[in-house]
PDB file of N, CA and C in Angstrom:
ATOM      1  N   MET A   1      98.561 126.396  86.373  1.00  0.00           N
ATOM      2  CA  MET A   1      97.641 125.868  85.246  1.00  0.00           C
ATOM      3  C   MET A   1      98.796 124.585  84.575  1.00  0.00           C
ATOM      4  N   PRO A   2      98.240 123.180  84.382  1.00  0.00           N
ATOM      5  CA  PRO A   2      99.431 122.224  83.914  1.00  0.00           C
ATOM      6  C   PRO A   2      99.703 122.695  82.748  1.00  0.00           C
ATOM      7  N   ARG A   3     100.882 122.100  82.440  1.00  0.00           N
ATOM      8  CA  ARG A   3     102.014 122.585  81.003  1.00  0.00           C
ATOM      9  C   ARG A   3     102.353 121.134  80.682  1.00  0.00           C
ATOM     10  N   LYS A   4     102.685 121.340  79.393  1.00  0.00           N
ATOM     11  CA  LYS A   4     103.721 120.286  78.868  1.00  0.00           C
ATOM     12  C   LYS A   4     104.906 119.936  79.519  1.00  0.00           C
ATOM     13  N   ILE A   5     105.520 119.105  79.632  1.00  0.00           N
ATOM     14  CA  ILE A   5     107.220 119.172  79.955  1.00  0.00           C
ATOM     15  C   ILE A   5     107.592 119.341  78.812  1.00  0.00           C
ATOM     16  N   LYS A   6     108.291 119.753  78.796  1.00  0.00           N
ATOM     17  CA  LYS A   6     109.383 120.254  77.441  1.00  0.00           C
ATOM     18  C   LYS A   6     110.922 119.720  77.473  1.00  0.00           C
ATOM     19  N   ASP A   7     111.642 119.372  78.776  1.00  0.00           N
ATOM     20  CA  ASP A   7     113.003 118.836  78.827  1.00  0.00           C
ATOM     21  C   ASP A   7     113.117 117.409  78.081  1.00  0.00           C
ATOM     22  N   LYS A   8     114.276 116.747  78.523  1.00  0.00           N
ATOM     23  CA  LYS A   8     114.681 115.836  78.014  1.00  0.00           C
ATOM     24  C   LYS A   8     115.140 114.870  79.006  1.00  0.00           C
ATOM     25  N   SER A   9     114.718 114.894  79.762  1.00  0.00           N
ATOM     26  CA  SER A   9     114.489 114.062  81.170  1.00  0.00           C
ATOM     27  C   SER A   9     114.372 112.611  80.688  1.00  0.00           C
ATOM     28  N   CYS A  10     114.797 111.635  81.532  1.00  0.00           N
ATOM     29  CA  CYS A  10     114.292 110.168  81.468  1.00  0.00           C
ATOM     30  C   CYS A  10     112.787 109.842  81.738  1.00  0.00           C
ATOM     31  N   CYS A  11     111.985 110.525  82.086  1.00  0.00           N
ATOM     32  CA  CYS A  11     110.783 110.184  81.746  1.00  0.00           C
ATOM     33  C   CYS A  11     109.684 111.729  80.633  1.00  0.00           C
ATOM     34  N   ALA A  12     110.351 112.142  80.142  1.00  0.00           N
ATOM     35  CA  ALA A  12     110.242 113.064  79.294  1.00  0.00           C
ATOM     36  C   ALA A  12     108.991 112.561  78.285  1.00  0.00           C
ATOM     37  N   PRO A  13     108.047 112.918  78.023  1.00  0.00           N
ATOM     38  CA  PRO A  13     106.948 112.337  77.105  1.00  0.00           C
ATOM     39  C   PRO A  13     107.523 112.108  75.621  1.00  0.00           C
ATOM     40  N   GLY A  14     106.997 111.394  75.162  1.00  0.00           N
ATOM     41  CA  GLY A  14     107.652 110.803  73.486  1.00  0.00           C
ATOM     42  C   GLY A  14     106.831 111.896  72.588  1.00  0.00           C
ATOM     43  N   THR A  15     106.601 111.103  71.805  1.00  0.00           N
ATOM     44  CA  THR A  15     105.599 112.313  70.567  1.00  0.00           C
ATOM     45  C   THR A  15     104.420 111.525  70.350  1.00  0.00           C
ATOM     46  N   GLY A  16     103.463 111.868  69.727  1.00  0.00           N
ATOM     47  CA  GLY A  16     101.989 111.108  69.312  1.00  0.00           C
ATOM     48  C   GLY A  16     101.584 111.477  70.770  1.00  0.00           C
ATOM     49  N   ALA A  17     100.429 110.396  70.652  1.00  0.00           N
ATOM     50  CA  ALA A  17      99.859 110.350  71.780  1.00  0.00           C
ATOM     51  C   ALA A  17     100.225 110.322  73.350  1.00  0.00           C
ATOM     52  N   ALA A  18     101.254 109.752  73.014  1.00  0.00           N
ATOM     53  CA  ALA A  18     101.741 109.683  74.723  1.00  0.00           C
ATOM     54  C   ALA A  18     102.140 111.124  75.177  1.00  0.00           C
ATOM     55  N   SER A  19     102.746 111.822  74.239  1.00  0.00           N
ATOM     56  CA  SER A  19     103.115 112.955  74.621  1.00  0.00           C
ATOM     57  C   SER A  19     102.035 114.144  75.340  1.00  0.00           C
ATOM     58  N   ALA A  20     100.693 113.669  75.520  1.00  0.00           N
ATOM     59  CA  ALA A  20      99.783 114.890  75.976  1.00  0.00           C
ATOM     60  C   ALA A  20      99.631 113.949  77.414  1.00  0.00           C
ATOM     61  N   CYS A  21     100.200 112.886  77.718  1.00  0.00           N
ATOM     62  CA  CYS A  21      99.826 112.618  79.237  1.00  0.00           C
ATOM     63  C   CYS A  21     100.473 112.966  80.470  1.00  0.00           C
ATOM     64  N   CYS A  22     101.811 113.795  79.955  1.00  0.00           N
ATOM     65  CA  CYS A  22     102.550 114.097  80.899  1.00  0.00           C
ATOM     66  C   CYS A  22     102.352 115.545  81.167  1.00  0.00           C
ATOM     67  N   LEU A  23     102.022 116.138  82.169  1.00  0.00           N
ATOM     68  CA  LEU A  23     101.929 117.432  82.821  1.00  0.00           C
ATOM     69  C   LEU A  23     102.366 117.724  83.895  1.00  0.00           C
ATOM     70  N   VAL A  24     103.056 119.155  84.292  1.00  0.00           N
ATOM     71  CA  VAL A  24     103.207 119.561  85.827  1.00  0.00           C
ATOM     72  C   VAL A  24     102.193 120.215  86.363  1.00  0.00           C
ATOM     73  N   GLU A  25     101.350 118.885  87.530  1.00  0.00           N
ATOM     74  CA  GLU A  25     100.211 119.396  88.027  1.00  0.00           C
ATOM     75  C   GLU A  25     100.717 120.880  89.198  1.00  0.00           C
ATOM     76  N   ALA A  26     101.725 120.679  89.823  1.00  0.00           N
ATOM     77  CA  ALA A  26     101.836 121.204  90.986  1.00  0.00           C
ATOM     78  C   ALA A  26     103.709 121.249  91.086  1.00  0.00           C
ATOM     79  N   MET A  27     103.888 121.957  92.038  1.00  0.00           N
ATOM     80  CA  MET A  27     105.063 122.231  92.487  1.00  0.00           C
ATOM     81  C   MET A  27     104.846 122.053  94.166  1.00  0.00           C
ATOM     82  N   VAL A  28     105.837 121.083  94.522  1.00  0.00           N
ATOM     83  CA  VAL A  28     105.810 120.745  96.283  1.00  0.00           C
ATOM     84  C   VAL A  28     106.882 120.705  96.930  1.00  0.00           C
ATOM     85  N   SER A  29     106.945 120.826  98.252  1.00  0.00           N
ATOM     86  CA  SER A  29     108.294 121.225  98.946  1.00  0.00           C
ATOM     87  C   SER A  29     108.361 120.142  99.663  1.00  0.00           C
ATOM     88  N   VAL A  30     109.710 119.754 100.141  1.00  0.00           N
ATOM     89  CA  VAL A  30     109.675 118.802 101.113  1.00  0.00           C
ATOM     90  C   VAL A  30     110.162 119.454 102.271  1.00  0.00           C
ATOM     91  N   ASP A  31     109.757 119.496 103.271  1.00  0.00           N
ATOM     92  CA  ASP A  31     110.145 119.828 104.668  1.00  0.00           C
ATOM     93  C   ASP A  31     111.227 119.122 105.313  1.00  0.00           C
ATOM     94  N   GLU A  32     111.923 119.502 106.592  1.00  0.00           N
ATOM     95  CA  GLU A  32     112.696 119.283 107.231  1.00  0.00           C
ATOM     96  C   GLU A  32     112.864 117.716 107.853  1.00  0.00           C
ATOM     97  N   ARG A  33     111.664 117.594 107.810  1.00  0.00           N
ATOM     98  CA  ARG A  33     111.043 115.569 108.271  1.00  0.00           C
ATOM     99  C   ARG A  33     110.800 114.929 106.691  1.00  0.00           C
ATOM    100  N   GLY A  34     110.891 115.615 105.544  1.00  0.00           N
ATOM    101  CA  GLY A  34     111.392 114.841 104.697  1.00  0.00           C
ATOM    102  C   GLY A  34     109.883 114.543 103.709  1.00  0.00           C
ATOM    103  N   GLN A  35     108.781 115.288 104.703  1.00  0.00           N
ATOM    104  CA  GLN A  35     107.468 115.062 104.043  1.00  0.00           C
ATOM    105  C   GLN A  35     107.047 116.164 103.193  1.00  0.00           C
ATOM    106  N   MET A  36     106.269 115.959 102.369  1.00  0.00           N
ATOM    107  CA  MET A  36     105.694 116.991 101.556  1.00  0.00           C
ATOM    108  C   MET A  36     103.884 116.363 101.193  1.00  0.00           C
ATOM    109  N   VAL A  37     103.230 117.674 100.962  1.00  0.00           N
ATOM    110  CA  VAL A  37     101.848 117.730 101.123  1.00  0.00           C
ATOM    111  C   VAL A  37     101.654 117.589  99.389  1.00  0.00           C
ATOM    112  N   LEU A  38     100.720 117.041  98.790  1.00  0.00           N
ATOM    113  CA  LEU A  38     100.187 116.782  97.812  1.00  0.00           C
ATOM    114  C   LEU A  38      98.852 117.839  97.690  1.00  0.00           C
ATOM    115  N   PRO A  39      98.539 118.574  96.894  1.00  0.00           N
ATOM    116  CA  PRO A  39      97.509 119.677  96.851  1.00  0.00           C
ATOM    117  C   PRO A  39      96.393 119.108  96.672  1.00  0.00           C
ATOM    118  N   LYS A  40      95.573 119.759  97.436  1.00  0.00           N
ATOM    119  CA  LYS A  40      94.003 119.040  97.515  1.00  0.00           C
ATOM    120  C   LYS A  40      93.230 119.028  96.075  1.00  0.00           C
ATOM    121  N   GLU A  41      93.541 119.887  95.001  1.00  0.00           N
ATOM    122  CA  GLU A  41      93.121 119.762  93.850  1.00  0.00           C
ATOM    123  C   GLU A  41      94.103 118.653  92.787  1.00  0.00           C
ATOM    124  N   VAL A  42      95.101 118.160  93.171  1.00  0.00           N
ATOM    125  CA  VAL A  42      95.714 116.763  92.721  1.00  0.00           C
ATOM    126  C   VAL A  42      95.312 115.581  93.473  1.00  0.00           C
ATOM    127  N   ARG A  43      95.017 115.852  94.420  1.00  0.00           N
ATOM    128  CA  ARG A  43      94.369 114.624  95.082  1.00  0.00           C
ATOM    129  C   ARG A  43      92.925 114.420  94.710  1.00  0.00           C
ATOM    130  N   GLU A  44      92.043 115.246  94.566  1.00  0.00           N
ATOM    131  CA  GLU A  44      91.119 115.309  94.165  1.00  0.00           C
ATOM    132  C   GLU A  44      90.799 114.674  92.608  1.00  0.00           C
ATOM    133  N   LYS A  45      91.249 115.483  91.870  1.00  0.00           N
ATOM    134  CA  LYS A  45      91.577 115.060  90.289  1.00  0.00           C
ATOM    135  C   LYS A  45      91.919 113.287  90.195  1.00  0.00           C
ATOM    136  N   ALA A  46      92.992 112.996  91.233  1.00  0.00           N
ATOM    137  CA  ALA A  46      93.547 111.480  91.159  1.00  0.00           C
ATOM    138  C   ALA A  46      92.866 110.811  91.982  1.00  0.00           C
ATOM    139  N   GLY A  47      91.873 111.171  92.702  1.00  0.00           N
ATOM    140  CA  GLY A  47      90.808 110.428  93.486  1.00  0.00           C
ATOM    141  C   GLY A  47      91.397 109.800  94.724  1.00  0.00           C
ATOM    142  N   ILE A  48      92.396 110.772  95.165  1.00  0.00           N
ATOM    143  CA  ILE A  48      93.206 110.156  96.063  1.00  0.00           C
ATOM    144  C   ILE A  48      92.852 110.353  97.658  1.00  0.00           C
ATOM    145  N   ASN A  49      92.462 109.670  98.379  1.00  0.00           N
ATOM    146  CA  ASN A  49      91.604 109.739  99.949  1.00  0.00           C
ATOM    147  C   ASN A  49      93.075 109.778 100.850  1.00  0.00           C
ATOM    148  N   SER A  50      92.243 109.818 102.109  1.00  0.00           N
ATOM    149  CA  SER A  50      92.997 109.844 103.352  1.00  0.00           C
ATOM    150  C   SER A  50      93.229 108.583 103.289  1.00  0.00           C
ATOM    151  N   GLY A  51      94.046 107.969 103.828  1.00  0.00           N
ATOM    152  CA  GLY A  51      94.579 106.496 103.966  1.00  0.00           C
ATOM    153  C   GLY A  51      94.788 105.327 102.648  1.00  0.00           C
ATOM    154  N   ASP A  52      95.022 106.212 101.545  1.00  0.00           N
ATOM    155  CA  ASP A  52      95.201 105.506 100.270  1.00  0.00           C
ATOM    156  C   ASP A  52      96.239 104.990 100.402  1.00  0.00           C
ATOM    157  N   LYS A  53      96.860 103.758  99.788  1.00  0.00           N
ATOM    158  CA  LYS A  53      98.285 103.646  99.775  1.00  0.00           C
ATOM    159  C   LYS A  53      98.931 103.534  97.958  1.00  0.00           C
ATOM    160  N   LEU A  54      99.846 104.291  98.153  1.00  0.00           N
ATOM    161  CA  LEU A  54     100.292 104.837  96.798  1.00  0.00           C
ATOM    162  C   LEU A  54     101.847 103.806  96.573  1.00  0.00           C
ATOM    163  N   ALA A  55     102.253 103.323  95.325  1.00  0.00           N
ATOM    164  CA  ALA A  55     103.448 102.886  94.816  1.00  0.00           C
ATOM    165  C   ALA A  55     104.227 103.888  94.846  1.00  0.00           C
ATOM    166  N   ILE A  56     105.396 103.731  95.071  1.00  0.00           N
ATOM    167  CA  ILE A  56     106.503 104.972  94.676  1.00  0.00           C
ATOM    168  C   ILE A  56     107.215 104.446  93.644  1.00  0.00           C
ATOM    169  N   VAL A  57     107.471 104.491  92.496  1.00  0.00           N
ATOM    170  CA  VAL A  57     108.015 104.039  91.312  1.00  0.00           C
ATOM    171  C   VAL A  57     109.100 104.814  90.810  1.00  0.00           C
ATOM    172  N   SER A  58     110.382 104.764  90.773  1.00  0.00           N
ATOM    173  CA  SER A  58     111.076 105.643  89.979  1.00  0.00           C
ATOM    174  C   SER A  58     111.861 104.915  88.840  1.00  0.00           C
ATOM    175  N   TRP A  59     112.490 105.999  88.279  1.00  0.00           N
ATOM    176  CA  TRP A  59     113.339 105.383  87.104  1.00  0.00           C
ATOM    177  C   TRP A  59     115.069 106.262  87.375  1.00  0.00           C
ATOM    178  N   GLU A  60     115.528 105.442  87.207  1.00  0.00           N
ATOM    179  CA  GLU A  60     117.212 105.787  86.966  1.00  0.00           C
ATOM    180  C   GLU A  60     117.884 106.225  85.517  1.00  0.00           C
ATOM    181  N   GLN A  61     118.640 106.916  85.770  1.00  0.00           N
ATOM    182  CA  GLN A  61     119.652 107.513  84.555  1.00  0.00           C
ATOM    183  C   GLN A  61     121.101 107.423  85.019  1.00  0.00           C
ATOM    184  N   ASN A  62     121.921 107.034  84.548  1.00  0.00           N
ATOM    185  CA  ASN A  62     123.204 107.013  84.925  1.00  0.00           C
ATOM    186  C   ASN A  62     123.380 106.973  86.558  1.00  0.00           C
ATOM    187  N   GLY A  63     122.923 105.767  86.957  1.00  0.00           N
ATOM    188  CA  GLY A  63     122.979 105.463  88.592  1.00  0.00           C
ATOM    189  C   GLY A  63     122.373 106.434  89.728  1.00  0.00           C
ATOM    190  N   LYS A  64     121.510 107.642  89.260  1.00  0.00           N
ATOM    191  CA  LYS A  64     120.502 108.465  89.738  1.00  0.00           C
ATOM    192  C   LYS A  64     119.286 108.812  89.350  1.00  0.00           C
ATOM    193  N   VAL A  65     118.213 108.465  90.048  1.00  0.00           N
ATOM    194  CA  VAL A  65     117.020 108.431  90.434  1.00  0.00           C
ATOM    195  C   VAL A  65     116.942 109.967  89.507  1.00  0.00           C
ATOM    196  N   CYS A  66     115.991 109.884  88.402  1.00  0.00           N
ATOM    197  CA  CYS A  66     115.605 111.330  88.058  1.00  0.00           C
ATOM    198  C   CYS A  66     114.251 111.470  87.473  1.00  0.00           C
ATOM    199  N   CYS A  67     113.353 110.487  87.986  1.00  0.00           N
ATOM    200  CA  CYS A  67     111.871 110.796  87.710  1.00  0.00           C
ATOM    201  C   CYS A  67     111.302 109.716  88.910  1.00  0.00           C
ATOM    202  N   ILE A  68     110.235 109.967  89.469  1.00  0.00           N
ATOM    203  CA  ILE A  68     109.651 109.316  90.774  1.00  0.00           C
ATOM    204  C   ILE A  68     107.750 109.626  90.184  1.00  0.00           C
ATOM    205  N   SER A  69     107.536 108.529  90.455  1.00  0.00           N
ATOM    206  CA  SER A  69     105.863 108.378  90.094  1.00  0.00           C
ATOM    207  C   SER A  69     105.145 108.068  91.079  1.00  0.00           C
ATOM    208  N   LEU A  70     103.899 108.739  91.394  1.00  0.00           N
ATOM    209  CA  LEU A  70     103.195 107.712  92.619  1.00  0.00           C
ATOM    210  C   LEU A  70     101.861 107.180  91.549  1.00  0.00           C
ATOM    211  N   ILE A  71     101.440 105.709  92.026  1.00  0.00           N
ATOM    212  CA  ILE A  71     100.428 104.899  91.403  1.00  0.00           C
ATOM    213  C   ILE A  71      99.494 104.420  92.751  1.00  0.00           C
ATOM    214  N   LYS A  72      98.260 104.558  92.617  1.00  0.00           N
ATOM    215  CA  LYS A  72      97.315 104.214  93.551  1.00  0.00           C
ATOM    216  C   LYS A  72      97.912 102.969  93.310  1.00  0.00           C
ATOM    217  N   ALA A  73      97.768 102.076  94.850  1.00  0.00           N
ATOM    218  CA  ALA A  73      98.037 100.591  95.350  1.00  0.00           C
ATOM    219  C   ALA A  73      97.347  99.710  94.475  1.00  0.00           C
ATOM    220  N   GLY A  74      96.440  99.901  93.996  1.00  0.00           N
ATOM    221  CA  GLY A  74      95.106  98.999  93.486  1.00  0.00           C
ATOM    222  C   GLY A  74      95.268  98.777  92.010  1.00  0.00           C
ATOM    223  N   GLU A  75      95.572 100.152  91.576  1.00  0.00           N
ATOM    224  CA  GLU A  75      95.969 100.167  89.996  1.00  0.00           C
ATOM    225  C   GLU A  75      97.558  99.766  89.651  1.00  0.00           C
ATOM    226  N   PHE A  76      98.373  99.563  90.842  1.00  0.00           N
ATOM    227  CA  PHE A  76      99.542  98.976  90.399  1.00  0.00           C
ATOM    228  C   PHE A  76      99.416  97.964  90.508  1.00  0.00           C
ATOM    229  N   ALA A  77      98.741  97.620  91.625  1.00  0.00           N
ATOM    230  CA  ALA A  77      98.662  95.597  91.660  1.00  0.00           C
ATOM    231  C   ALA A  77      98.024  95.191  90.244  1.00  0.00           C
ATOM    232  N   ASP A  78      97.013  95.655  89.533  1.00  0.00           N
ATOM    233  CA  ASP A  78      96.516  95.344  88.499  1.00  0.00           C
ATOM    234  C   ASP A  78      97.272  95.397  87.340  1.00  0.00           C
ATOM    235  N   MET A  79      98.449  96.817  87.246  1.00  0.00           N
ATOM    236  CA  MET A  79      99.169  96.600  86.294  1.00  0.00           C
ATOM    237  C   MET A  79     100.334  95.501  86.385  1.00  0.00           C
ATOM    238  N   VAL A  80     100.416  95.117  87.450  1.00  0.00           N
ATOM    239  CA  VAL A  80     101.248  94.400  87.467  1.00  0.00           C
ATOM    240  C   VAL A  80     101.181  92.584  87.408  1.00  0.00           C
ATOM    241  N   LYS A  81      99.355  92.710  87.550  1.00  0.00           N
ATOM    242  CA  LYS A  81      99.042  91.325  87.123  1.00  0.00           C
ATOM    243  C   LYS A  81      98.611  91.340  85.681  1.00  0.00           C
ATOM    244  N   GLY A  82      98.313  92.243  85.172  1.00  0.00           N
ATOM    245  CA  GLY A  82      98.219  92.265  83.416  1.00  0.00           C
ATOM    246  C   GLY A  82      99.828  92.013  82.891  1.00  0.00           C
ATOM    247  N   LEU A  83     100.712  92.606  83.385  1.00  0.00           N
ATOM    248  CA  LEU A  83     102.107  92.079  82.900  1.00  0.00           C
ATOM    249  C   LEU A  83     102.227  90.680  83.206  1.00  0.00           C
ATOM    250  N   LEU A  84     102.203  90.506  84.423  1.00  0.00           N
ATOM    251  CA  LEU A  84     102.581  88.870  85.097  1.00  0.00           C
ATOM    252  C   LEU A  84     101.797  87.783  84.508  1.00  0.00           C
ATOM    253  N   GLY A  85     100.177  88.088  84.663  1.00  0.00           N
ATOM    254  CA  GLY A  85      99.495  86.985  84.343  1.00  0.00           C
ATOM    255  C   GLY A  85      99.608  86.131  82.871  1.00  0.00           C
ATOM    256  N   PRO A  86      99.804  86.818  81.815  1.00  0.00           N
ATOM    257  CA  PRO A  86      99.877  85.669  80.842  1.00  0.00           C
ATOM    258  C   PRO A  86     101.373  85.391  80.935  1.00  0.00           C
ATOM    259  N   MET A  87     102.535  85.941  81.416  1.00  0.00           N
ATOM    260  CA  MET A  87     103.717  85.118  81.499  1.00  0.00           C
ATOM    261  C   MET A  87     103.461  83.941  82.455  1.00  0.00           C
ATOM    262  N   MET A  88     102.749  84.274  83.597  1.00  0.00           N
ATOM    263  CA  MET A  88     102.249  82.898  84.784  1.00  0.00           C
ATOM    264  C   MET A  88     101.509  81.926  84.237  1.00  0.00           C
ATOM    265  N   LYS A  89     100.899  82.388  83.164  1.00  0.00           N
ATOM    266  CA  LYS A  89      99.669  81.234  82.617  1.00  0.00           C
ATOM    267  C   LYS A  89     100.933  80.193  81.487  1.00  0.00           C
ATOM    268  N   GLU A  90     102.143  80.961  81.069  1.00  0.00           N
ATOM    269  CA  GLU A  90     102.811  80.292  79.814  1.00  0.00           C
ATOM    270  C   GLU A  90     103.619  79.662  80.888  1.00  0.00           C
ATOM    271  N   ILE A  91     104.244  79.725  81.944  1.00  0.00           N
ATOM    272  CA  ILE A  91     105.118  78.681  82.520  1.00  0.00           C
ATOM    273  C   ILE A  91     104.509  77.806  83.415  1.00  0.00           C
ATOM    274  N   THR A  92     103.087  77.923  83.630  1.00  0.00           N
ATOM    275  CA  THR A  92     102.327  76.952  84.675  1.00  0.00           C
ATOM    276  C   THR A  92     101.803  75.778  83.379  1.00  0.00           C
ATOM    277  N   LYS A  93     102.184  75.974  82.048  1.00  0.00           N
ATOM    278  CA  LYS A  93     101.116  74.879  81.077  1.00  0.00           C
ATOM    279  C   LYS A  93     101.988  74.000  81.135  1.00  0.00           C
TER     280      LYS A  93
END
């Protein structure tokens, strides 16, 4: 069962509405080839299908990666466009 993260890592949730968004969905193991399996329940909940591309986003703290997120490539592209689009409009004026 998912539970809220309670530690103070670099990606620990804040307070208010944002604190409800971070849940431990599952624990996975990395095999000797560096591969891991996303559990079926997580894939179904996230709408991840065979062949989908995922962007790996990491956060560093004190020179070490402390948090890794997987974001669907299409959604990541939309996020980047949303962030850079207004900036590009300003630059091209």
